[in-house]
Amino acid sequence: MRNILKLIAFFFSIVLFISCGRSDEIKLFNGESLEGWEGSNTIFRVEEGAIVGGNLKKPIDESYYLCTEQKYENFELKLSAKFISNDINTNGGISFRAKRVPNSNEVMGYQADIGYIDAGAIPQFSDFTPKDTTGLYPLWGSLVDENRPDTSRYPRPDIFPVIIYKVADKELIEEIIDPLEWNEINITANGPDIEIKINGVTTAKYTEKDDVPTSGYICLQAHSGGPFEIWYKNIVLNQLEP
């Protein structure tokens, strides 16, 4: 009987070891090449184990996106990003459940924004007005939606088809980020519910009410402007059950 109990204990220890070694984590970037991604290989490159967009020599004329070749629906996405620039007047983002706009460099869908924007532009594209509408506002961790065919979603489609559904709190962002160092971004999209975290702190939560696609590509943005570089690394995804 004692030997049987030992055998059972050994069996369960093996099962536990195997289960602990399993992972549903998908590495979207191998750290060495752009395998599994599609987009401009003049705007994007791999350097020091990261995907780099833009350069420090000249500005980018328009925004470019590097997108996964596979679509994803319900997931938790983690990655780190940083800018290299002479100032903080930079912008980028991670689009998700996205699709390329035909005959354009743009994509349509949600975006977890990072970087900065002219504070005076925020009231035009959201229901939020900053206390100070001069200077720059940190959009790190804000939820954006843009470029869908139904422009009724957008407050000023005559300027640009975009809406900032959730504007991250300025004081919170300034407390939790270093604008020119690595910051971790976490995006959870599960059914209609979306949550964005920066460095482990929730900055935006939103529940979609409209009938929009729940599956799409993940795209890394190199925003127009500069010159500056935007770096992305440690890009991993866990698929979720809705």
C-alpha atoms as a PDB file:
ATOM      1  CA  MET A   1       0.000   0.000   0.000  1.00  0.00           C
ATOM      2  CA  ARG A   2       2.839   2.354   0.888  1.00  0.00           C
ATOM      3  CA  ASN A   3       4.482   1.712  -2.477  1.00  0.00           C
ATOM      4  CA  ILE A   4       1.198   2.457  -4.270  1.00  0.00           C
ATOM      5  CA  LEU A   5       0.852   5.784  -2.421  1.00  0.00           C
ATOM      6  CA  LYS A   6       4.421   6.663  -3.364  1.00  0.00           C
ATOM      7  CA  LEU A   7       3.667   5.817  -6.987  1.00  0.00           C
ATOM      8  CA  ILE A   8       0.534   8.001  -6.955  1.00  0.00           C
ATOM      9  CA  ALA A   9       2.451  10.892  -5.386  1.00  0.00           C
ATOM     10  CA  PHE A  10       5.186  10.537  -7.993  1.00  0.00           C
ATOM     11  CA  PHE A  11       2.607  10.499 -10.785  1.00  0.00           C
ATOM     12  CA  PHE A  12       0.947  13.714  -9.574  1.00  0.00           C
ATOM     13  CA  SER A  13       4.316  15.422  -9.169  1.00  0.00           C
ATOM     14  CA  ILE A  14       5.074  14.652 -12.826  1.00  0.00           C
ATOM     15  CA  VAL A  15       1.655  16.013 -13.901  1.00  0.00           C
ATOM     16  CA  LEU A  16       2.215  19.168 -11.836  1.00  0.00           C
ATOM     17  CA  PHE A  17       5.669  19.674 -13.337  1.00  0.00           C
ATOM     18  CA  ILE A  18       4.340  19.321 -16.879  1.00  0.00           C
ATOM     19  CA  SER A  19       1.397  21.647 -16.276  1.00  0.00           C
ATOM     20  CA  CYS A  20       3.636  24.272 -14.706  1.00  0.00           C
ATOM     21  CA  GLY A  21       5.919  24.126 -17.713  1.00  0.00           C
ATOM     22  CA  ARG A  22       3.088  24.782 -20.154  1.00  0.00           C
ATOM     23  CA  SER A  23       2.380  28.280 -21.369  1.00  0.00           C
ATOM     24  CA  ASP A  24      -0.228  29.790 -23.669  1.00  0.00           C
ATOM     25  CA  GLU A  25       2.123  32.725 -24.219  1.00  0.00           C
ATOM     26  CA  ILE A  26       2.841  33.552 -27.859  1.00  0.00           C
ATOM     27  CA  LYS A  27       5.990  35.488 -28.657  1.00  0.00           C
ATOM     28  CA  LEU A  28       4.985  37.793 -31.491  1.00  0.00           C
ATOM     29  CA  PHE A  29       8.548  39.048 -31.985  1.00  0.00           C
ATOM     30  CA  ASN A  30      11.585  36.773 -31.980  1.00  0.00           C
ATOM     31  CA  GLY A  31      14.030  39.575 -31.177  1.00  0.00           C
ATOM     32  CA  GLU A  32      16.062  38.954 -34.339  1.00  0.00           C
ATOM     33  CA  SER A  33      13.937  39.593 -37.433  1.00  0.00           C
ATOM     34  CA  LEU A  34      10.554  40.868 -38.610  1.00  0.00           C
ATOM     35  CA  GLU A  35       9.346  37.330 -39.279  1.00  0.00           C
ATOM     36  CA  GLY A  36       5.590  37.196 -38.692  1.00  0.00           C
ATOM     37  CA  TRP A  37       5.151  40.914 -39.399  1.00  0.00           C
ATOM     38  CA  GLU A  38       4.418  42.906 -42.549  1.00  0.00           C
ATOM     39  CA  GLY A  39       5.071  46.563 -43.290  1.00  0.00           C
ATOM     40  CA  SER A  40       7.705  48.986 -44.489  1.00  0.00           C
ATOM     41  CA  ASN A  41      11.239  47.661 -44.081  1.00  0.00           C
ATOM     42  CA  THR A  42      12.608  51.152 -44.649  1.00  0.00           C
ATOM     43  CA  ILE A  43      10.672  52.647 -41.732  1.00  0.00           C
ATOM     44  CA  PHE A  44      11.002  49.614 -39.422  1.00  0.00           C
ATOM     45  CA  ARG A  45      14.073  47.559 -38.562  1.00  0.00           C
ATOM     46  CA  VAL A  46      15.393  45.286 -35.820  1.00  0.00           C
ATOM     47  CA  GLU A  47      18.105  46.625 -33.542  1.00  0.00           C
ATOM     48  CA  GLU A  48      19.408  45.374 -30.189  1.00  0.00           C
ATOM     49  CA  GLY A  49      16.528  42.905 -29.789  1.00  0.00           C
ATOM     50  CA  ALA A  50      13.833  45.496 -30.466  1.00  0.00           C
ATOM     51  CA  ILE A  51      11.654  46.687 -33.354  1.00  0.00           C
ATOM     52  CA  VAL A  52      12.633  50.261 -34.180  1.00  0.00           C
ATOM     53  CA  GLY A  53      10.495  52.699 -36.162  1.00  0.00           C
ATOM     54  CA  GLY A  54      11.748  55.980 -37.549  1.00  0.00           C
ATOM     55  CA  ASN A  55      15.218  57.493 -37.302  1.00  0.00           C
ATOM     56  CA  LEU A  56      17.103  60.396 -35.791  1.00  0.00           C
ATOM     57  CA  LYS A  57      18.156  61.951 -39.108  1.00  0.00           C
ATOM     58  CA  LYS A  58      14.911  63.085 -40.728  1.00  0.00           C
ATOM     59  CA  PRO A  59      11.179  63.300 -39.927  1.00  0.00           C
ATOM     60  CA  ILE A  60       8.615  60.740 -41.094  1.00  0.00           C
ATOM     61  CA  ASP A  61       6.226  62.228 -43.662  1.00  0.00           C
ATOM     62  CA  GLU A  62       3.204  60.186 -42.533  1.00  0.00           C
ATOM     63  CA  SER A  63       2.375  57.477 -40.042  1.00  0.00           C
ATOM     64  CA  TYR A  64       3.439  53.909 -40.809  1.00  0.00           C
ATOM     65  CA  TYR A  65       2.380  50.626 -39.222  1.00  0.00           C
ATOM     66  CA  LEU A  66       4.065  47.267 -38.841  1.00  0.00           C
ATOM     67  CA  CYS A  67       1.328  44.621 -38.474  1.00  0.00           C
ATOM     68  CA  THR A  68       1.207  40.979 -37.484  1.00  0.00           C
ATOM     69  CA  GLU A  69       0.438  38.515 -40.244  1.00  0.00           C
ATOM     70  CA  GLN A  70      -2.035  36.746 -37.943  1.00  0.00           C
ATOM     71  CA  LYS A  71      -5.309  38.070 -36.546  1.00  0.00           C
ATOM     72  CA  TYR A  72      -6.164  37.920 -32.842  1.00  0.00           C
ATOM     73  CA  GLU A  73      -9.494  38.347 -31.079  1.00  0.00           C
ATOM     74  CA  ASN A  74      -9.516  37.971 -27.287  1.00  0.00           C
ATOM     75  CA  PHE A  75      -6.132  38.393 -25.670  1.00  0.00           C
ATOM     76  CA  GLU A  76      -3.803  39.960 -23.180  1.00  0.00           C
ATOM     77  CA  LEU A  77      -0.896  41.679 -24.930  1.00  0.00           C
ATOM     78  CA  LYS A  78       2.263  42.778 -23.146  1.00  0.00           C
ATOM     79  CA  LEU A  79       5.163  44.746 -24.558  1.00  0.00           C
ATOM     80  CA  SER A  80       7.590  47.506 -23.685  1.00  0.00           C
ATOM     81  CA  ALA A  81       8.137  50.726 -25.614  1.00  0.00           C
ATOM     82  CA  LYS A  82      10.331  53.802 -25.487  1.00  0.00           C
ATOM     83  CA  PHE A  83      11.241  56.836 -27.572  1.00  0.00           C
ATOM     84  CA  ILE A  84      14.661  58.136 -28.453  1.00  0.00           C
ATOM     85  CA  SER A  85      14.365  61.846 -29.124  1.00  0.00           C
ATOM     86  CA  ASN A  86      15.746  65.242 -28.234  1.00  0.00           C
ATOM     87  CA  ASP A  87      12.417  66.153 -26.588  1.00  0.00           C
ATOM     88  CA  ILE A  88       9.144  64.533 -25.482  1.00  0.00           C
ATOM     89  CA  ASN A  89       7.121  65.816 -28.444  1.00  0.00           C
ATOM     90  CA  THR A  90       6.709  62.283 -29.768  1.00  0.00           C
ATOM     91  CA  ASN A  91       3.810  59.957 -30.474  1.00  0.00           C
ATOM     92  CA  GLY A  92       3.161  56.335 -31.360  1.00  0.00           C
ATOM     93  CA  GLY A  93       0.846  53.527 -30.429  1.00  0.00           C
ATOM     94  CA  ILE A  94      -0.211  49.922 -30.552  1.00  0.00           C
ATOM     95  CA  SER A  95      -3.256  49.282 -32.723  1.00  0.00           C
ATOM     96  CA  PHE A  96      -5.263  46.121 -32.086  1.00  0.00           C
ATOM     97  CA  ARG A  97      -8.241  44.336 -33.603  1.00  0.00           C
ATOM     98  CA  ALA A  98      -7.026  46.408 -36.521  1.00  0.00           C
ATOM     99  CA  LYS A  99      -7.146  46.257 -40.306  1.00  0.00           C
ATOM    100  CA  ARG A 100      -5.247  48.169 -42.945  1.00  0.00           C
ATOM    101  CA  VAL A 101      -7.099  50.970 -44.735  1.00  0.00           C
ATOM    102  CA  PRO A 102      -7.060  50.212 -48.485  1.00  0.00           C
ATOM    103  CA  ASN A 103      -4.682  52.363 -50.545  1.00  0.00           C
ATOM    104  CA  SER A 104      -3.292  54.013 -47.406  1.00  0.00           C
ATOM    105  CA  ASN A 105      -0.582  53.652 -44.782  1.00  0.00           C
ATOM    106  CA  GLU A 106      -3.249  54.006 -42.064  1.00  0.00           C
ATOM    107  CA  VAL A 107      -5.010  51.257 -40.126  1.00  0.00           C
ATOM    108  CA  MET A 108      -8.526  51.156 -38.703  1.00  0.00           C
ATOM    109  CA  GLY A 109      -9.406  49.944 -35.223  1.00  0.00           C
ATOM    110  CA  TYR A 110      -8.456  50.569 -31.605  1.00  0.00           C
ATOM    111  CA  GLN A 111      -5.140  51.955 -30.458  1.00  0.00           C
ATOM    112  CA  ALA A 112      -3.380  52.150 -27.119  1.00  0.00           C
ATOM    113  CA  ASP A 113      -1.713  55.516 -27.546  1.00  0.00           C
ATOM    114  CA  ILE A 114       1.731  56.413 -26.258  1.00  0.00           C
ATOM    115  CA  GLY A 115       3.559  59.713 -26.395  1.00  0.00           C
ATOM    116  CA  TYR A 116       2.196  63.245 -26.449  1.00  0.00           C
ATOM    117  CA  ILE A 117      -0.330  65.441 -28.265  1.00  0.00           C
ATOM    118  CA  ASP A 118      -1.161  69.123 -28.463  1.00  0.00           C
ATOM    119  CA  ALA A 119      -3.456  69.578 -25.456  1.00  0.00           C
ATOM    120  CA  GLY A 120      -5.713  71.887 -27.457  1.00  0.00           C
ATOM    121  CA  ALA A 121      -6.609  69.027 -29.813  1.00  0.00           C
ATOM    122  CA  ILE A 122      -8.043  66.791 -27.101  1.00  0.00           C
ATOM    123  CA  PRO A 123     -11.471  68.526 -26.766  1.00  0.00           C
ATOM    124  CA  GLN A 124     -11.971  68.202 -30.535  1.00  0.00           C
ATOM    125  CA  PHE A 125     -11.608  64.429 -30.478  1.00  0.00           C
ATOM    126  CA  SER A 126     -12.992  63.432 -27.066  1.00  0.00           C
ATOM    127  CA  ASP A 127     -15.522  64.451 -24.416  1.00  0.00           C
ATOM    128  CA  PHE A 128     -12.694  65.607 -22.144  1.00  0.00           C
ATOM    129  CA  THR A 129     -11.170  69.075 -21.803  1.00  0.00           C
ATOM    130  CA  PRO A 130      -7.839  69.347 -19.978  1.00  0.00           C
ATOM    131  CA  LYS A 131      -7.475  71.998 -17.285  1.00  0.00           C
ATOM    132  CA  ASP A 132      -4.670  73.477 -19.355  1.00  0.00           C
ATOM    133  CA  THR A 133      -5.182  73.337 -23.119  1.00  0.00           C
ATOM    134  CA  THR A 134      -1.764  74.794 -23.898  1.00  0.00           C
ATOM    135  CA  GLY A 135       1.403  72.807 -24.440  1.00  0.00           C
ATOM    136  CA  LEU A 136       1.610  69.012 -24.624  1.00  0.00           C
ATOM    137  CA  TYR A 137      -0.616  66.406 -22.989  1.00  0.00           C
ATOM    138  CA  PRO A 138       0.624  62.845 -22.265  1.00  0.00           C
ATOM    139  CA  LEU A 139      -1.513  60.329 -24.160  1.00  0.00           C
ATOM    140  CA  TRP A 140       0.308  57.319 -22.695  1.00  0.00           C
ATOM    141  CA  GLY A 141      -2.343  54.693 -21.915  1.00  0.00           C
ATOM    142  CA  SER A 142      -5.250  56.486 -23.612  1.00  0.00           C
ATOM    143  CA  LEU A 143      -7.694  54.486 -25.769  1.00  0.00           C
ATOM    144  CA  VAL A 144      -8.112  55.730 -29.325  1.00  0.00           C
ATOM    145  CA  ASP A 145     -10.319  54.503 -32.179  1.00  0.00           C
ATOM    146  CA  GLU A 146      -9.750  55.607 -35.763  1.00  0.00           C
ATOM    147  CA  ASN A 147     -10.368  55.261 -39.493  1.00  0.00           C
ATOM    148  CA  ARG A 148     -13.415  52.968 -39.500  1.00  0.00           C
ATOM    149  CA  PRO A 149     -15.767  53.259 -42.505  1.00  0.00           C
ATOM    150  CA  ASP A 150     -18.646  54.483 -40.308  1.00  0.00           C
ATOM    151  CA  THR A 151     -17.376  57.976 -39.525  1.00  0.00           C
ATOM    152  CA  SER A 152     -20.397  58.713 -37.299  1.00  0.00           C
ATOM    153  CA  ARG A 153     -18.242  57.363 -34.465  1.00  0.00           C
ATOM    154  CA  TYR A 154     -15.974  60.361 -34.773  1.00  0.00           C
ATOM    155  CA  PRO A 155     -16.580  63.901 -33.503  1.00  0.00           C
ATOM    156  CA  ARG A 156     -14.563  65.676 -36.240  1.00  0.00           C
ATOM    157  CA  PRO A 157     -14.231  63.374 -39.269  1.00  0.00           C
ATOM    158  CA  ASP A 158     -13.723  66.497 -41.396  1.00  0.00           C
ATOM    159  CA  ILE A 159     -10.364  66.913 -39.633  1.00  0.00           C
ATOM    160  CA  PHE A 160      -9.537  63.246 -39.042  1.00  0.00           C
ATOM    161  CA  PRO A 161     -11.694  60.147 -38.339  1.00  0.00           C
ATOM    162  CA  VAL A 162     -10.529  59.545 -34.760  1.00  0.00           C
ATOM    163  CA  ILE A 163     -11.952  59.558 -31.260  1.00  0.00           C
ATOM    164  CA  ILE A 164     -10.189  59.296 -27.920  1.00  0.00           C
ATOM    165  CA  TYR A 165     -12.617  57.172 -25.928  1.00  0.00           C
ATOM    166  CA  LYS A 166     -10.630  57.318 -22.710  1.00  0.00           C
ATOM    167  CA  VAL A 167      -8.094  60.057 -22.020  1.00  0.00           C
ATOM    168  CA  ALA A 168      -5.610  58.924 -19.383  1.00  0.00           C
ATOM    169  CA  ASP A 169      -5.233  61.148 -16.324  1.00  0.00           C
ATOM    170  CA  LYS A 170      -2.330  63.565 -16.805  1.00  0.00           C
ATOM    171  CA  GLU A 171      -1.126  63.538 -13.193  1.00  0.00           C
ATOM    172  CA  LEU A 172      -1.275  59.743 -13.036  1.00  0.00           C
ATOM    173  CA  ILE A 173       0.700  59.315 -16.269  1.00  0.00           C
ATOM    174  CA  GLU A 174       3.369  61.791 -15.222  1.00  0.00           C
ATOM    175  CA  GLU A 175       3.743  59.819 -11.987  1.00  0.00           C
ATOM    176  CA  ILE A 176       4.061  56.338 -13.471  1.00  0.00           C
ATOM    177  CA  ILE A 177       6.082  56.798 -16.694  1.00  0.00           C
ATOM    178  CA  ASP A 178       9.546  57.845 -17.718  1.00  0.00           C
ATOM    179  CA  PRO A 179       8.935  59.484 -21.119  1.00  0.00           C
ATOM    180  CA  LEU A 180      12.357  58.599 -22.563  1.00  0.00           C
ATOM    181  CA  GLU A 181      12.893  55.157 -21.003  1.00  0.00           C
ATOM    182  CA  TRP A 182      11.241  51.739 -21.351  1.00  0.00           C
ATOM    183  CA  ASN A 183       7.629  51.567 -20.171  1.00  0.00           C
ATOM    184  CA  GLU A 184       5.503  48.413 -20.117  1.00  0.00           C
ATOM    185  CA  ILE A 185       2.147  48.436 -21.899  1.00  0.00           C
ATOM    186  CA  ASN A 186      -0.533  45.838 -21.164  1.00  0.00           C
ATOM    187  CA  ILE A 187      -3.644  45.618 -23.363  1.00  0.00           C
ATOM    188  CA  THR A 188      -6.525  43.288 -22.541  1.00  0.00           C
ATOM    189  CA  ALA A 189      -9.302  42.860 -25.114  1.00  0.00           C
ATOM    190  CA  ASN A 190     -11.921  40.321 -24.118  1.00  0.00           C
ATOM    191  CA  GLY A 191     -15.308  40.474 -25.818  1.00  0.00           C
ATOM    192  CA  PRO A 192     -16.501  44.095 -25.660  1.00  0.00           C
ATOM    193  CA  ASP A 193     -14.256  44.944 -22.705  1.00  0.00           C
ATOM    194  CA  ILE A 194     -10.925  46.705 -23.158  1.00  0.00           C
ATOM    195  CA  GLU A 195      -8.372  47.662 -20.518  1.00  0.00           C
ATOM    196  CA  ILE A 196      -5.004  49.382 -20.879  1.00  0.00           C
ATOM    197  CA  LYS A 197      -2.296  49.406 -18.230  1.00  0.00           C
ATOM    198  CA  ILE A 198       0.990  51.285 -18.178  1.00  0.00           C
ATOM    199  CA  ASN A 199       3.654  49.910 -15.857  1.00  0.00           C
ATOM    200  CA  GLY A 200       0.991  47.834 -14.086  1.00  0.00           C
ATOM    201  CA  VAL A 201      -1.426  50.727 -13.501  1.00  0.00           C
ATOM    202  CA  THR A 202      -4.829  50.867 -15.229  1.00  0.00           C
ATOM    203  CA  THR A 203      -5.083  53.993 -17.377  1.00  0.00           C
ATOM    204  CA  ALA A 204      -8.170  53.235 -19.500  1.00  0.00           C
ATOM    205  CA  LYS A 205     -11.187  50.913 -19.369  1.00  0.00           C
ATOM    206  CA  TYR A 206     -13.901  50.817 -22.004  1.00  0.00           C
ATOM    207  CA  THR A 207     -16.849  48.631 -23.004  1.00  0.00           C
ATOM    208  CA  GLU A 208     -17.701  48.692 -26.706  1.00  0.00           C
ATOM    209  CA  LYS A 209     -21.379  49.258 -27.434  1.00  0.00           C
ATOM    210  CA  ASP A 210     -21.339  49.222 -31.232  1.00  0.00           C
ATOM    211  CA  ASP A 211     -21.100  46.323 -33.657  1.00  0.00           C
ATOM    212  CA  VAL A 212     -17.441  46.487 -34.698  1.00  0.00           C
ATOM    213  CA  PRO A 213     -14.993  43.714 -35.611  1.00  0.00           C
ATOM    214  CA  THR A 214     -13.668  41.828 -32.587  1.00  0.00           C
ATOM    215  CA  SER A 215     -10.794  40.245 -34.483  1.00  0.00           C
ATOM    216  CA  GLY A 216      -7.884  41.874 -36.255  1.00  0.00           C
ATOM    217  CA  TYR A 217      -4.169  42.476 -36.488  1.00  0.00           C
ATOM    218  CA  ILE A 218      -1.821  43.991 -33.941  1.00  0.00           C
ATOM    219  CA  CYS A 219       0.104  46.917 -35.403  1.00  0.00           C
ATOM    220  CA  LEU A 220       3.000  49.006 -34.132  1.00  0.00           C
ATOM    221  CA  GLN A 221       2.935  52.652 -35.150  1.00  0.00           C
ATOM    222  CA  ALA A 222       5.759  54.935 -36.197  1.00  0.00           C
ATOM    223  CA  HIS A 223       3.939  58.269 -36.087  1.00  0.00           C
ATOM    224  CA  SER A 224       4.559  61.099 -38.499  1.00  0.00           C
ATOM    225  CA  GLY A 225       6.871  63.818 -37.217  1.00  0.00           C
ATOM    226  CA  GLY A 226      10.250  63.742 -35.627  1.00  0.00           C
ATOM    227  CA  PRO A 227      13.002  63.056 -36.184  1.00  0.00           C
ATOM    228  CA  PHE A 228      12.740  60.462 -33.425  1.00  0.00           C
ATOM    229  CA  GLU A 229      12.819  56.700 -32.945  1.00  0.00           C
ATOM    230  CA  ILE A 230      10.215  54.504 -31.298  1.00  0.00           C
ATOM    231  CA  TRP A 231      11.386  51.154 -29.936  1.00  0.00           C
ATOM    232  CA  TYR A 232       9.205  48.096 -29.141  1.00  0.00           C
ATOM    233  CA  LYS A 233      10.365  44.879 -27.461  1.00  0.00           C
ATOM    234  CA  ASN A 234       9.235  41.852 -25.377  1.00  0.00           C
ATOM    235  CA  ILE A 235       6.026  41.528 -27.413  1.00  0.00           C
ATOM    236  CA  VAL A 236       4.039  38.565 -26.063  1.00  0.00           C
ATOM    237  CA  LEU A 237       0.368  37.618 -26.237  1.00  0.00           C
ATOM    238  CA  ASN A 238      -1.881  35.293 -24.257  1.00  0.00           C
ATOM    239  CA  GLN A 239      -5.126  34.303 -25.976  1.00  0.00           C
ATOM    240  CA  LEU A 240      -8.244  34.429 -23.802  1.00  0.00           C
ATOM    241  CA  GLU A 241     -11.590  32.706 -23.842  1.00  0.00           C
ATOM    242  CA  PRO A 242     -14.421  35.292 -24.204  1.00  0.00           C
END
